[in-house]
């Protein structure tokens, strides 16, 4: 499954075709659980966690186990926020700005994360350990995101690069998020 946020295109690609790396592409390894690709090379404020790409959610949501660990180690401050669901019902959520979120070699800085006990964490057996649903707020900061279920990989292609980092803004907040990479200058080749 390939989501091209620059061209606003989603397409299903042939998994049998050999993979050709794209310039500025970061590959993150995962595992399959109940048909879902769960990314394992992810951390928030230095805490390792599992992450699921959830294109159906507008905001990235951490589970309560992640919230509790972050707060126990004083790695964020939780504030209350209100969101309106598709039915028009308002729901109060806890929201924190995470200083650093790593996806493989990509580093996102000052990332807003909502926290809630939502069904996907239970479906994928992720309710009791730190986990995150990566929503469209973070996915849209990349040029492309590809999910290769056969090879158990997620590929993130950066939008634009400079010698130091890539600056991105999140969709849902006025907070500026800073994205950089530990992969060196070659990661930003275009």
N, C-alpha and C. Protein backbone atom coordinates (compact mmCIF):
# COMPACT_ATOMS: atom_id res chain seq x y z
N UNK A 1 0.86 -1.17 0.00
CA UNK A 1 0.00 0.00 0.00
C UNK A 1 0.90 1.23 0.00
N UNK A 2 0.72 2.11 -0.99
CA UNK A 2 1.55 3.30 -1.09
C UNK A 2 0.65 4.53 -1.00
N UNK A 3 0.99 5.42 -0.07
CA UNK A 3 0.26 6.68 0.10
C UNK A 3 1.19 7.82 -0.28
N UNK A 4 0.86 8.52 -1.36
CA UNK A 4 1.65 9.65 -1.83
C UNK A 4 0.93 10.92 -1.40
N UNK A 5 1.41 11.55 -0.34
CA UNK A 5 0.73 12.73 0.21
C UNK A 5 0.98 13.97 -0.62
N UNK A 6 2.06 13.99 -1.38
CA UNK A 6 2.34 15.13 -2.25
C UNK A 6 1.37 15.15 -3.43
N UNK A 7 1.13 13.97 -4.01
CA UNK A 7 0.21 13.87 -5.16
C UNK A 7 -1.22 13.55 -4.73
N UNK A 8 -1.42 13.34 -3.41
CA UNK A 8 -2.72 12.99 -2.85
C UNK A 8 -3.27 11.73 -3.55
N UNK A 9 -2.47 10.67 -3.50
CA UNK A 9 -2.75 9.43 -4.21
C UNK A 9 -2.50 8.24 -3.29
N UNK A 10 -3.40 7.27 -3.33
CA UNK A 10 -3.21 6.01 -2.62
C UNK A 10 -3.32 4.90 -3.65
N UNK A 11 -2.37 3.98 -3.66
CA UNK A 11 -2.47 2.87 -4.60
C UNK A 11 -1.91 1.59 -3.99
N UNK A 12 -2.45 0.49 -4.47
CA UNK A 12 -1.98 -0.83 -4.08
C UNK A 12 -0.97 -1.26 -5.14
N UNK A 13 0.23 -1.57 -4.70
CA UNK A 13 1.29 -1.96 -5.62
C UNK A 13 1.53 -3.46 -5.53
N UNK A 14 2.13 -4.01 -6.57
CA UNK A 14 2.42 -5.43 -6.65
C UNK A 14 3.58 -5.78 -5.72
N UNK A 15 3.32 -6.59 -4.71
CA UNK A 15 4.34 -6.98 -3.73
C UNK A 15 5.40 -7.90 -4.34
N UNK A 16 5.10 -8.50 -5.48
CA UNK A 16 6.06 -9.40 -6.13
C UNK A 16 7.18 -8.63 -6.84
N UNK A 17 6.91 -7.36 -7.19
CA UNK A 17 7.93 -6.56 -7.87
C UNK A 17 9.08 -6.28 -6.92
N UNK A 18 10.31 -6.31 -7.45
CA UNK A 18 11.45 -5.98 -6.60
C UNK A 18 11.34 -4.53 -6.12
N UNK A 19 11.78 -4.31 -4.90
CA UNK A 19 11.72 -2.98 -4.31
C UNK A 19 12.91 -2.15 -4.77
N UNK A 20 12.64 -0.94 -5.23
CA UNK A 20 13.68 -0.01 -5.62
C UNK A 20 13.69 1.15 -4.63
N UNK A 21 14.79 1.34 -3.91
CA UNK A 21 14.82 2.43 -2.93
C UNK A 21 14.67 3.79 -3.60
N UNK A 22 13.95 4.69 -2.96
CA UNK A 22 13.76 6.05 -3.45
C UNK A 22 14.68 6.99 -2.68
N UNK A 23 15.09 8.10 -3.30
CA UNK A 23 15.92 9.08 -2.58
C UNK A 23 15.19 9.59 -1.34
N UNK A 24 15.92 9.73 -0.25
CA UNK A 24 15.34 10.25 0.98
C UNK A 24 14.40 9.29 1.66
N UNK A 25 14.53 8.00 1.38
CA UNK A 25 13.61 7.01 1.95
C UNK A 25 14.22 6.35 3.18
N UNK A 26 13.42 6.25 4.23
CA UNK A 26 13.82 5.59 5.47
C UNK A 26 13.00 4.32 5.58
N UNK A 27 13.65 3.19 5.88
CA UNK A 27 12.95 1.91 6.01
C UNK A 27 12.90 1.52 7.48
N UNK A 28 11.70 1.19 7.96
CA UNK A 28 11.50 0.78 9.35
C UNK A 28 10.93 -0.63 9.35
N UNK A 29 11.54 -1.51 10.11
CA UNK A 29 11.13 -2.91 10.18
C UNK A 29 9.96 -3.09 11.14
N UNK A 30 9.12 -4.06 10.84
CA UNK A 30 7.98 -4.35 11.71
C UNK A 30 7.73 -5.84 11.79
N UNK A 31 6.60 -6.18 12.37
CA UNK A 31 6.14 -7.57 12.42
C UNK A 31 4.65 -7.55 12.13
N UNK A 32 4.13 -8.68 11.71
CA UNK A 32 2.70 -8.77 11.42
C UNK A 32 1.96 -9.36 12.60
N UNK A 33 0.84 -8.75 12.93
CA UNK A 33 -0.04 -9.29 13.96
C UNK A 33 -1.47 -9.04 13.49
N UNK A 34 -2.22 -10.12 13.32
CA UNK A 34 -3.61 -10.04 12.87
C UNK A 34 -3.75 -9.21 11.60
N UNK A 35 -2.82 -9.39 10.68
CA UNK A 35 -2.87 -8.70 9.40
C UNK A 35 -2.39 -7.26 9.42
N UNK A 36 -1.94 -6.78 10.56
CA UNK A 36 -1.50 -5.39 10.69
C UNK A 36 0.02 -5.35 10.84
N UNK A 37 0.65 -4.39 10.19
CA UNK A 37 2.09 -4.20 10.30
C UNK A 37 2.37 -3.35 11.54
N UNK A 38 3.08 -3.93 12.50
CA UNK A 38 3.42 -3.23 13.74
C UNK A 38 4.90 -2.89 13.70
N UNK A 39 5.20 -1.59 13.72
CA UNK A 39 6.58 -1.12 13.64
C UNK A 39 7.26 -1.27 14.99
N UNK A 40 8.49 -1.78 14.95
CA UNK A 40 9.20 -2.08 16.19
C UNK A 40 10.40 -1.17 16.44
N UNK A 41 10.84 -0.42 15.44
CA UNK A 41 12.00 0.46 15.61
C UNK A 41 11.52 1.88 15.90
N UNK A 42 10.74 2.02 16.96
CA UNK A 42 10.13 3.30 17.30
C UNK A 42 10.37 3.59 18.78
N UNK A 43 10.59 4.87 19.11
CA UNK A 43 10.69 5.26 20.52
C UNK A 43 10.14 6.67 20.69
N UNK A 44 9.63 6.95 21.88
CA UNK A 44 9.14 8.28 22.24
C UNK A 44 9.90 8.73 23.47
N UNK A 45 10.60 9.85 23.36
CA UNK A 45 11.41 10.37 24.47
C UNK A 45 12.34 9.30 25.03
N UNK A 46 12.88 8.46 24.15
CA UNK A 46 13.81 7.41 24.55
C UNK A 46 13.18 6.11 25.01
N UNK A 47 11.86 6.06 25.12
CA UNK A 47 11.17 4.83 25.54
C UNK A 47 10.80 4.00 24.32
N UNK A 48 11.29 2.75 24.22
CA UNK A 48 10.92 1.91 23.08
C UNK A 48 9.42 1.61 23.11
N UNK A 49 8.83 1.54 21.92
CA UNK A 49 7.40 1.22 21.83
C UNK A 49 7.10 0.58 20.49
N UNK A 50 5.90 0.03 20.39
CA UNK A 50 5.39 -0.50 19.13
C UNK A 50 4.47 0.55 18.53
N UNK A 51 4.45 0.66 17.20
CA UNK A 51 3.59 1.65 16.55
C UNK A 51 2.85 1.00 15.39
N UNK A 52 1.61 1.41 15.21
CA UNK A 52 0.76 0.94 14.12
C UNK A 52 0.39 2.15 13.28
N UNK A 53 0.54 2.04 11.97
CA UNK A 53 0.10 3.12 11.09
C UNK A 53 -1.40 3.03 10.95
N UNK A 54 -2.08 4.10 11.32
CA UNK A 54 -3.55 4.15 11.29
C UNK A 54 -3.99 5.34 10.44
N UNK A 55 -4.23 5.09 9.16
CA UNK A 55 -4.60 6.17 8.24
C UNK A 55 -5.99 6.71 8.53
N UNK A 56 -6.76 6.02 9.34
CA UNK A 56 -8.12 6.46 9.63
C UNK A 56 -8.24 7.44 10.77
N UNK A 57 -7.16 7.70 11.47
CA UNK A 57 -7.23 8.66 12.58
C UNK A 57 -6.50 9.95 12.21
N UNK A 58 -7.10 11.07 12.55
CA UNK A 58 -6.53 12.37 12.24
C UNK A 58 -5.35 12.72 13.13
N UNK A 59 -5.35 12.20 14.35
CA UNK A 59 -4.28 12.52 15.30
C UNK A 59 -3.61 11.24 15.77
N UNK A 60 -2.35 11.35 16.10
CA UNK A 60 -1.63 10.19 16.62
C UNK A 60 -2.03 9.99 18.08
N UNK A 61 -2.29 8.72 18.43
CA UNK A 61 -2.81 8.40 19.76
C UNK A 61 -1.90 7.37 20.43
N UNK A 62 -1.44 7.70 21.61
CA UNK A 62 -0.68 6.77 22.42
C UNK A 62 -1.61 6.08 23.40
N UNK A 63 -1.24 4.87 23.80
CA UNK A 63 -2.08 4.17 24.78
C UNK A 63 -1.74 4.67 26.19
N UNK A 64 -2.51 4.20 27.15
CA UNK A 64 -2.32 4.67 28.53
C UNK A 64 -1.02 4.17 29.13
N UNK A 65 -0.54 3.01 28.67
CA UNK A 65 0.75 2.50 29.15
C UNK A 65 1.88 3.44 28.73
N UNK A 66 1.81 3.97 27.51
CA UNK A 66 2.81 4.94 27.05
C UNK A 66 2.71 6.23 27.86
N UNK A 67 1.50 6.72 28.05
CA UNK A 67 1.30 7.94 28.84
C UNK A 67 1.89 7.78 30.24
N UNK A 68 1.56 6.66 30.89
CA UNK A 68 2.02 6.44 32.26
C UNK A 68 3.54 6.38 32.35
N UNK A 69 4.18 5.70 31.39
CA UNK A 69 5.65 5.61 31.42
C UNK A 69 6.30 6.96 31.16
N UNK A 70 5.75 7.71 30.20
CA UNK A 70 6.31 9.03 29.92
C UNK A 70 6.19 9.94 31.14
N UNK A 71 5.04 9.90 31.79
CA UNK A 71 4.83 10.77 32.95
C UNK A 71 5.64 10.32 34.16
N UNK A 72 5.81 9.03 34.31
CA UNK A 72 6.60 8.50 35.42
C UNK A 72 8.04 8.97 35.33
N UNK A 73 8.54 9.07 34.10
CA UNK A 73 9.92 9.51 33.89
C UNK A 73 10.00 11.01 33.61
N UNK A 74 8.90 11.72 33.84
CA UNK A 74 8.83 13.17 33.63
C UNK A 74 9.31 13.56 32.24
N UNK A 75 8.82 12.86 31.25
CA UNK A 75 9.23 13.13 29.86
C UNK A 75 8.12 13.81 29.07
N UNK A 76 7.27 14.51 29.72
CA UNK A 76 6.19 15.22 29.04
C UNK A 76 5.21 15.75 30.06
N UNK A 77 4.38 16.69 29.64
CA UNK A 77 3.36 17.25 30.51
C UNK A 77 2.02 17.04 29.81
N UNK A 78 1.08 16.44 30.51
CA UNK A 78 -0.22 16.13 29.93
C UNK A 78 -1.18 17.28 30.17
N UNK A 79 -1.91 17.65 29.12
CA UNK A 79 -2.95 18.66 29.22
C UNK A 79 -4.24 18.06 28.67
N UNK A 80 -5.35 18.63 29.04
CA UNK A 80 -6.65 18.16 28.55
C UNK A 80 -6.98 18.86 27.24
N UNK A 81 -7.61 18.12 26.33
CA UNK A 81 -8.06 18.69 25.07
C UNK A 81 -9.39 18.07 24.69
N UNK A 82 -10.14 18.73 23.85
CA UNK A 82 -11.43 18.21 23.41
C UNK A 82 -11.40 18.00 21.91
N UNK A 83 -11.85 16.82 21.48
CA UNK A 83 -11.97 16.52 20.05
C UNK A 83 -13.42 16.18 19.77
N UNK A 84 -13.82 16.41 18.53
CA UNK A 84 -15.17 16.09 18.11
C UNK A 84 -15.10 14.89 17.18
N UNK A 85 -15.83 13.83 17.51
CA UNK A 85 -15.86 12.62 16.70
C UNK A 85 -16.75 12.78 15.48
N UNK A 86 -16.77 11.75 14.64
CA UNK A 86 -17.56 11.80 13.41
C UNK A 86 -19.05 11.92 13.68
N UNK A 87 -19.49 11.51 14.86
CA UNK A 87 -20.91 11.61 15.21
C UNK A 87 -21.25 12.96 15.82
N UNK A 88 -20.25 13.84 15.98
CA UNK A 88 -20.48 15.14 16.59
C UNK A 88 -20.31 15.15 18.09
N UNK A 89 -20.04 14.00 18.67
CA UNK A 89 -19.85 13.89 20.11
C UNK A 89 -18.47 14.42 20.48
N UNK A 90 -18.43 15.26 21.50
CA UNK A 90 -17.15 15.77 21.99
C UNK A 90 -16.59 14.82 23.03
N UNK A 91 -15.29 14.56 22.93
CA UNK A 91 -14.60 13.66 23.85
C UNK A 91 -13.38 14.39 24.39
N UNK A 92 -13.18 14.28 25.70
CA UNK A 92 -12.00 14.88 26.32
C UNK A 92 -10.84 13.89 26.23
N UNK A 93 -9.71 14.38 25.73
CA UNK A 93 -8.49 13.58 25.62
C UNK A 93 -7.38 14.25 26.39
N UNK A 94 -6.41 13.45 26.77
CA UNK A 94 -5.18 13.98 27.33
C UNK A 94 -4.20 14.13 26.17
N UNK A 95 -3.48 15.23 26.14
CA UNK A 95 -2.53 15.50 25.07
C UNK A 95 -1.21 15.94 25.69
N UNK A 96 -0.11 15.45 25.12
CA UNK A 96 1.22 15.87 25.57
C UNK A 96 2.08 16.13 24.35
N UNK A 97 3.02 17.01 24.50
CA UNK A 97 3.99 17.26 23.45
C UNK A 97 5.23 16.44 23.79
N UNK A 98 5.58 15.51 22.91
CA UNK A 98 6.72 14.62 23.13
C UNK A 98 7.96 15.26 22.49
N UNK A 99 9.02 15.40 23.26
CA UNK A 99 10.23 16.06 22.78
C UNK A 99 10.83 15.37 21.57
N UNK A 100 10.78 14.03 21.54
CA UNK A 100 11.41 13.30 20.43
C UNK A 100 10.67 12.00 20.16
N UNK A 101 10.29 11.81 18.90
CA UNK A 101 9.70 10.55 18.44
C UNK A 101 10.60 10.03 17.32
N UNK A 102 11.10 8.80 17.49
CA UNK A 102 11.98 8.20 16.48
C UNK A 102 11.24 7.11 15.73
N UNK A 103 11.34 7.17 14.40
CA UNK A 103 10.86 6.11 13.51
C UNK A 103 12.07 5.63 12.74
N UNK A 104 12.69 4.53 13.17
CA UNK A 104 13.94 4.12 12.55
C UNK A 104 14.97 5.22 12.75
N UNK A 105 15.54 5.74 11.65
CA UNK A 105 16.54 6.81 11.75
C UNK A 105 15.94 8.21 11.65
N UNK A 106 14.63 8.31 11.51
CA UNK A 106 13.98 9.62 11.44
C UNK A 106 13.63 10.09 12.85
N UNK A 107 13.91 11.34 13.13
CA UNK A 107 13.60 11.92 14.44
C UNK A 107 12.60 13.06 14.23
N UNK A 108 11.46 12.96 14.90
CA UNK A 108 10.48 14.05 14.90
C UNK A 108 10.56 14.70 16.27
N UNK A 109 10.61 16.02 16.31
CA UNK A 109 10.74 16.73 17.57
C UNK A 109 9.47 17.51 17.89
N UNK A 110 9.17 17.61 19.19
CA UNK A 110 8.01 18.36 19.68
C UNK A 110 6.71 17.89 19.03
N UNK A 111 6.46 16.60 19.16
CA UNK A 111 5.31 15.97 18.52
C UNK A 111 4.13 15.91 19.49
N UNK A 112 2.98 16.47 19.10
CA UNK A 112 1.79 16.34 19.95
C UNK A 112 1.18 14.95 19.82
N UNK A 113 0.92 14.31 20.95
CA UNK A 113 0.32 12.97 20.98
C UNK A 113 -0.87 13.01 21.93
N UNK A 114 -2.00 12.47 21.47
CA UNK A 114 -3.16 12.32 22.35
C UNK A 114 -3.05 10.95 23.01
N UNK A 115 -3.67 10.79 24.16
CA UNK A 115 -3.64 9.51 24.87
C UNK A 115 -5.06 9.06 25.15
N UNK A 116 -5.33 7.79 24.83
CA UNK A 116 -6.67 7.24 25.08
C UNK A 116 -6.59 5.72 25.03
N UNK A 117 -7.55 5.10 25.68
CA UNK A 117 -7.69 3.64 25.65
C UNK A 117 -8.68 3.32 24.53
N UNK A 118 -8.15 3.15 23.30
CA UNK A 118 -9.01 2.90 22.14
C UNK A 118 -8.90 1.44 21.70
N UNK A 119 -9.95 0.90 21.06
CA UNK A 119 -10.00 -0.52 20.71
C UNK A 119 -8.81 -1.09 19.94
N UNK A 120 -8.19 -0.37 18.98
CA UNK A 120 -7.08 -1.00 18.25
C UNK A 120 -5.95 -1.51 19.15
N UNK A 121 -5.69 -0.85 20.26
CA UNK A 121 -4.64 -1.33 21.17
C UNK A 121 -4.99 -2.71 21.72
N UNK A 122 -6.25 -2.96 21.98
CA UNK A 122 -6.68 -4.27 22.49
C UNK A 122 -6.69 -5.31 21.37
N UNK A 123 -7.14 -4.93 20.18
CA UNK A 123 -7.20 -5.85 19.04
C UNK A 123 -5.82 -6.39 18.71
N UNK A 124 -4.79 -5.53 18.76
CA UNK A 124 -3.43 -5.95 18.41
C UNK A 124 -2.59 -6.32 19.62
N UNK A 125 -3.23 -6.57 20.76
CA UNK A 125 -2.54 -6.96 22.00
C UNK A 125 -1.45 -5.95 22.39
N UNK A 126 -1.77 -4.66 22.27
CA UNK A 126 -0.81 -3.61 22.60
C UNK A 126 -1.27 -2.72 23.75
N UNK A 127 -2.32 -3.12 24.46
CA UNK A 127 -2.88 -2.26 25.51
C UNK A 127 -2.00 -2.18 26.75
N UNK A 128 -1.21 -3.21 27.02
CA UNK A 128 -0.48 -3.28 28.29
C UNK A 128 0.98 -2.86 28.20
N UNK A 129 1.46 -2.49 27.03
CA UNK A 129 2.83 -2.00 26.90
C UNK A 129 2.81 -0.75 26.01
N UNK A 130 3.80 0.12 26.12
CA UNK A 130 3.77 1.38 25.37
C UNK A 130 3.57 1.15 23.87
N UNK A 131 2.57 1.83 23.32
CA UNK A 131 2.25 1.71 21.90
C UNK A 131 1.63 3.00 21.40
N UNK A 132 1.67 3.17 20.08
CA UNK A 132 1.23 4.40 19.45
C UNK A 132 0.54 4.09 18.13
N UNK A 133 -0.57 4.77 17.86
CA UNK A 133 -1.21 4.74 16.55
C UNK A 133 -0.72 5.98 15.81
N UNK A 134 0.03 5.78 14.73
CA UNK A 134 0.54 6.91 13.95
C UNK A 134 -0.58 7.40 13.04
N UNK A 135 -1.11 8.56 13.31
CA UNK A 135 -2.23 9.11 12.56
C UNK A 135 -1.79 9.93 11.36
N UNK A 136 -2.78 10.41 10.62
CA UNK A 136 -2.49 11.17 9.41
C UNK A 136 -1.77 12.49 9.72
N UNK A 137 -1.87 13.00 10.95
CA UNK A 137 -1.14 14.22 11.30
C UNK A 137 0.35 14.04 11.12
N UNK A 138 0.88 12.87 11.46
CA UNK A 138 2.31 12.60 11.28
C UNK A 138 2.61 12.05 9.89
N UNK A 139 1.74 11.20 9.37
CA UNK A 139 2.00 10.59 8.06
C UNK A 139 2.10 11.64 6.96
N UNK A 140 1.25 12.67 7.04
CA UNK A 140 1.23 13.70 6.00
C UNK A 140 2.47 14.59 6.01
N UNK A 141 3.33 14.45 6.99
CA UNK A 141 4.57 15.21 7.00
C UNK A 141 5.60 14.60 6.05
N UNK A 142 5.34 13.40 5.56
CA UNK A 142 6.23 12.73 4.62
C UNK A 142 5.69 12.88 3.20
N UNK A 143 6.57 12.76 2.22
CA UNK A 143 6.14 12.77 0.82
C UNK A 143 5.34 11.51 0.52
N UNK A 144 5.93 10.36 0.90
CA UNK A 144 5.26 9.07 0.67
C UNK A 144 5.45 8.18 1.88
N UNK A 145 4.45 7.33 2.12
CA UNK A 145 4.56 6.27 3.11
C UNK A 145 4.09 5.00 2.42
N UNK A 146 4.93 3.97 2.43
CA UNK A 146 4.57 2.68 1.82
C UNK A 146 4.59 1.60 2.88
N UNK A 147 3.58 0.77 2.87
CA UNK A 147 3.50 -0.37 3.78
C UNK A 147 3.68 -1.63 2.96
N UNK A 148 4.75 -2.35 3.22
CA UNK A 148 5.06 -3.59 2.52
C UNK A 148 4.83 -4.74 3.50
N UNK A 149 3.62 -5.29 3.48
CA UNK A 149 3.26 -6.34 4.43
C UNK A 149 4.06 -7.61 4.18
N UNK A 150 4.33 -7.91 2.92
CA UNK A 150 5.08 -9.13 2.58
C UNK A 150 6.49 -9.12 3.17
N UNK A 151 7.15 -7.98 3.07
CA UNK A 151 8.53 -7.86 3.57
C UNK A 151 8.58 -7.32 5.01
N UNK A 152 7.41 -7.00 5.58
CA UNK A 152 7.32 -6.47 6.94
C UNK A 152 8.13 -5.18 7.11
N UNK A 153 7.93 -4.26 6.18
CA UNK A 153 8.66 -2.99 6.19
C UNK A 153 7.69 -1.84 5.95
N UNK A 154 8.01 -0.71 6.56
CA UNK A 154 7.34 0.55 6.25
C UNK A 154 8.42 1.48 5.71
N UNK A 155 8.09 2.18 4.63
CA UNK A 155 9.05 3.10 4.02
C UNK A 155 8.50 4.51 4.10
N UNK A 156 9.30 5.42 4.60
CA UNK A 156 8.92 6.81 4.73
C UNK A 156 9.85 7.63 3.85
N UNK A 157 9.31 8.35 2.88
CA UNK A 157 10.13 9.20 2.03
C UNK A 157 9.96 10.65 2.49
N UNK A 158 11.09 11.29 2.77
CA UNK A 158 11.08 12.67 3.24
C UNK A 158 10.60 13.62 2.15
N UNK A 159 9.97 14.72 2.55
CA UNK A 159 9.48 15.73 1.60
C UNK A 159 10.60 16.58 1.03
N UNK A 160 11.29 17.30 1.88
CA UNK A 160 12.37 18.16 1.42
C UNK A 160 13.49 18.11 2.46
N UNK A 161 14.69 18.26 1.99
CA UNK A 161 15.82 18.09 2.89
C UNK A 161 16.80 19.24 2.78
N UNK A 162 17.52 19.43 3.84
CA UNK A 162 18.62 20.37 3.88
C UNK A 162 19.81 19.67 4.49
N UNK A 163 20.93 20.34 4.66
CA UNK A 163 22.11 19.68 5.20
C UNK A 163 21.95 19.22 6.65
N UNK A 164 21.08 19.87 7.43
CA UNK A 164 20.94 19.52 8.83
C UNK A 164 19.69 18.71 9.13
N UNK A 165 18.56 19.10 8.57
CA UNK A 165 17.30 18.48 8.97
C UNK A 165 16.19 18.90 8.02
N UNK A 166 15.01 18.43 8.33
CA UNK A 166 13.81 18.79 7.59
C UNK A 166 12.85 19.40 8.58
N UNK A 167 12.32 20.56 8.27
CA UNK A 167 11.33 21.18 9.15
C UNK A 167 9.94 20.85 8.63
N UNK A 168 9.09 20.41 9.52
CA UNK A 168 7.74 20.07 9.14
C UNK A 168 6.78 20.66 10.15
N UNK A 169 5.54 20.81 9.77
CA UNK A 169 4.52 21.25 10.71
C UNK A 169 3.47 20.18 10.83
N UNK A 170 2.96 19.98 12.01
CA UNK A 170 1.90 19.00 12.16
C UNK A 170 0.59 19.62 11.73
N UNK A 171 -0.35 18.79 11.30
CA UNK A 171 -1.62 19.24 10.75
C UNK A 171 -2.54 19.78 11.84
N UNK A 172 -2.62 19.11 12.98
CA UNK A 172 -3.64 19.40 13.97
C UNK A 172 -3.29 20.50 14.96
N UNK A 173 -2.05 20.95 14.99
CA UNK A 173 -1.69 21.94 15.99
C UNK A 173 -0.85 23.04 15.37
N UNK A 174 -0.71 24.10 16.11
CA UNK A 174 0.14 25.20 15.66
C UNK A 174 1.59 24.95 16.06
N UNK A 175 1.84 23.85 16.74
CA UNK A 175 3.19 23.51 17.18
C UNK A 175 4.03 23.15 15.96
N UNK A 176 5.25 23.66 15.90
CA UNK A 176 6.16 23.28 14.83
C UNK A 176 6.90 22.03 15.27
N UNK A 177 6.93 21.06 14.40
CA UNK A 177 7.63 19.83 14.68
C UNK A 177 8.91 19.82 13.86
N UNK A 178 9.98 19.41 14.45
CA UNK A 178 11.27 19.36 13.76
C UNK A 178 11.60 17.92 13.47
N UNK A 179 11.89 17.63 12.22
CA UNK A 179 12.23 16.28 11.81
C UNK A 179 13.68 16.27 11.36
N UNK A 180 14.44 15.32 11.83
CA UNK A 180 15.82 15.18 11.37
C UNK A 180 16.12 13.70 11.25
N UNK A 181 17.31 13.40 10.83
CA UNK A 181 17.66 12.01 10.64
C UNK A 181 19.06 11.74 11.16
N UNK A 182 19.24 10.55 11.66
CA UNK A 182 20.57 10.13 12.10
C UNK A 182 21.31 9.47 10.94
N UNK A 183 20.68 9.43 9.78
CA UNK A 183 21.24 8.75 8.63
C UNK A 183 22.27 9.54 7.86
N UNK A 184 22.53 10.79 8.22
CA UNK A 184 23.54 11.57 7.54
C UNK A 184 23.00 12.29 6.32
N UNK A 185 23.89 12.99 5.62
CA UNK A 185 23.51 13.83 4.49
C UNK A 185 22.87 13.05 3.36
N UNK A 186 23.33 11.83 3.11
CA UNK A 186 22.84 11.04 1.98
C UNK A 186 21.35 10.73 2.08
N UNK A 187 20.78 10.80 3.26
CA UNK A 187 19.37 10.49 3.43
C UNK A 187 18.51 11.51 2.72
N UNK A 188 19.03 12.71 2.51
CA UNK A 188 18.25 13.78 1.91
C UNK A 188 18.48 13.92 0.42
N UNK A 189 19.18 13.01 -0.20
CA UNK A 189 19.37 13.08 -1.64
C UNK A 189 18.04 13.04 -2.36
N UNK A 190 17.93 13.75 -3.45
CA UNK A 190 16.63 13.79 -4.14
C UNK A 190 16.78 13.50 -5.60
